[in-house]
């Protein structure tokens, strides 16, 4: 009995190859996205810390605001990875754009829920 042949991994695949420009644009997109995510995170952290200056909300409610805002920011920051990879991985572009959109919407929804639940009476 002969062993099965080893597949040729260097053979051309059916997915088109990414150009150098698309790879550079993908990396730039990720770096800019993460830079903006850091700025947004710092701004919302400052706003979140000052949200209860009047002391009208309980400490538990304030901590829930901060944690849920942070969780949403992490999801939005993670969305930058599939967003940038969608530029270069042409064969997986639809999946990566869908993942980007899901992470972005989920993170935004978490932040929106955190704000509305904090300010709800």
Protein backbone atom coordinates (compact mmCIF):
# COMPACT_ATOMS: atom_id res chain seq x y z
CA UNK A 1 0.00 0.00 0.00
CA UNK A 2 1.40 3.35 -1.02
CA UNK A 3 0.95 6.47 1.08
CA UNK A 4 -1.25 9.26 -0.28
CA UNK A 5 0.56 11.95 -2.25
CA UNK A 6 1.66 15.07 -0.42
CA UNK A 7 -0.30 18.09 -1.66
CA UNK A 8 1.65 20.83 -3.40
CA UNK A 9 1.21 23.88 -1.17
CA UNK A 10 3.07 26.12 -3.60
CA UNK A 11 0.52 25.61 -6.37
CA UNK A 12 -1.71 28.52 -7.34
CA UNK A 13 -4.96 28.73 -5.43
CA UNK A 14 -8.33 29.82 -6.72
CA UNK A 15 -8.36 32.98 -4.55
CA UNK A 16 -6.75 36.01 -6.16
CA UNK A 17 -3.53 37.21 -4.61
CA UNK A 18 -3.46 40.44 -2.64
CA UNK A 19 -1.51 43.34 -4.05
CA UNK A 20 1.16 45.13 -2.11
CA UNK A 21 -1.04 48.23 -1.96
CA UNK A 22 -3.93 46.31 -0.40
CA UNK A 23 -1.62 44.83 2.23
CA UNK A 24 -0.24 48.28 3.09
CA UNK A 25 -3.77 49.73 3.22
CA UNK A 26 -4.87 46.88 5.52
CA UNK A 27 -2.01 47.50 7.93
CA UNK A 28 -2.62 51.27 7.86
CA UNK A 29 -6.33 50.69 8.49
CA UNK A 30 -5.58 48.50 11.53
CA UNK A 31 -3.05 50.95 12.99
CA UNK A 32 -5.35 53.95 12.52
CA UNK A 33 -8.34 52.00 13.88
CA UNK A 34 -6.43 50.95 17.01
CA UNK A 35 -5.06 54.47 17.50
CA UNK A 36 -8.57 55.91 17.33
CA UNK A 37 -9.83 53.14 19.63
CA UNK A 38 -7.22 54.14 22.22
CA UNK A 39 -8.25 57.80 21.96
CA UNK A 40 -11.95 56.86 22.26
CA UNK A 41 -11.16 54.60 25.21
CA UNK A 42 -9.32 57.34 27.06
CA UNK A 43 -12.07 59.88 26.39
CA UNK A 44 -14.84 57.54 27.52
CA UNK A 45 -12.82 56.52 30.58
CA UNK A 46 -12.52 60.16 31.62
CA UNK A 47 -16.20 60.78 30.90
CA UNK A 48 -17.19 57.60 32.70
CA UNK A 49 -15.17 58.46 35.78
CA UNK A 50 -16.76 61.90 35.94
CA UNK A 51 -20.29 60.62 35.19
CA UNK A 52 -21.17 60.24 38.86
CA UNK A 53 -19.60 63.43 40.24
CA UNK A 54 -22.91 64.45 41.74
CA UNK A 55 -23.14 61.14 43.61
CA UNK A 56 -26.72 60.58 42.46
CA UNK A 57 -26.05 57.00 41.30
CA UNK A 58 -24.87 54.10 43.41
CA UNK A 59 -21.28 52.90 43.25
CA UNK A 60 -22.43 49.57 41.81
CA UNK A 61 -24.26 51.30 38.99
CA UNK A 62 -21.21 53.46 38.29
CA UNK A 63 -18.88 50.44 38.19
CA UNK A 64 -21.29 48.63 35.87
CA UNK A 65 -21.15 51.64 33.53
CA UNK A 66 -17.36 51.57 33.48
CA UNK A 67 -17.08 47.80 32.94
CA UNK A 68 -19.71 47.62 30.19
CA UNK A 69 -18.21 50.64 28.43
CA UNK A 70 -14.79 49.01 28.61
CA UNK A 71 -16.14 45.70 27.24
CA UNK A 72 -17.76 47.52 24.33
CA UNK A 73 -14.55 49.39 23.60
CA UNK A 74 -12.59 46.14 23.53
CA UNK A 75 -15.02 44.66 20.99
CA UNK A 76 -14.81 47.76 18.82
CA UNK A 77 -11.01 47.73 19.02
CA UNK A 78 -10.97 44.03 18.08
CA UNK A 79 -13.09 44.87 15.02
CA UNK A 80 -10.02 46.54 13.54
CA UNK A 81 -8.32 43.19 12.97
CA UNK A 82 -10.87 41.65 10.58
CA UNK A 83 -11.41 45.10 9.07
CA UNK A 84 -7.75 45.39 8.15
CA UNK A 85 -7.42 41.78 7.06
CA UNK A 86 -10.36 42.24 4.68
CA UNK A 87 -8.09 44.43 2.54
CA UNK A 88 -5.58 41.65 1.92
CA UNK A 89 -7.38 38.32 2.30
CA UNK A 90 -9.50 38.61 -0.81
CA UNK A 91 -10.90 35.07 -0.63
CA UNK A 92 -12.26 35.67 2.88
CA UNK A 93 -13.38 39.26 2.41
CA UNK A 94 -17.12 38.65 2.90
CA UNK A 95 -16.55 36.74 6.14
CA UNK A 96 -14.10 39.34 7.46
CA UNK A 97 -16.38 42.27 6.66
CA UNK A 98 -19.26 40.45 8.35
CA UNK A 99 -17.12 39.80 11.43
CA UNK A 100 -16.02 43.45 11.42
CA UNK A 101 -19.65 44.61 11.31
CA UNK A 102 -20.78 42.20 14.04
CA UNK A 103 -17.99 43.26 16.41
CA UNK A 104 -18.60 46.94 15.69
CA UNK A 105 -22.36 46.73 16.23
CA UNK A 106 -22.00 44.54 19.34
CA UNK A 107 -19.45 46.90 20.90
CA UNK A 108 -21.55 49.94 20.09
CA UNK A 109 -24.66 48.25 21.50
CA UNK A 110 -22.82 47.41 24.72
CA UNK A 111 -21.69 51.01 25.12
CA UNK A 112 -25.15 52.33 24.32
CA UNK A 113 -26.74 49.93 26.80
CA UNK A 114 -24.23 50.95 29.47
CA UNK A 115 -25.07 54.62 29.02
CA UNK A 116 -28.84 54.17 28.95
CA UNK A 117 -28.88 51.83 31.94
CA UNK A 118 -26.71 54.23 33.95
CA UNK A 119 -28.87 57.26 33.28
CA UNK A 120 -32.20 55.41 33.61
CA UNK A 121 -33.95 56.19 36.86
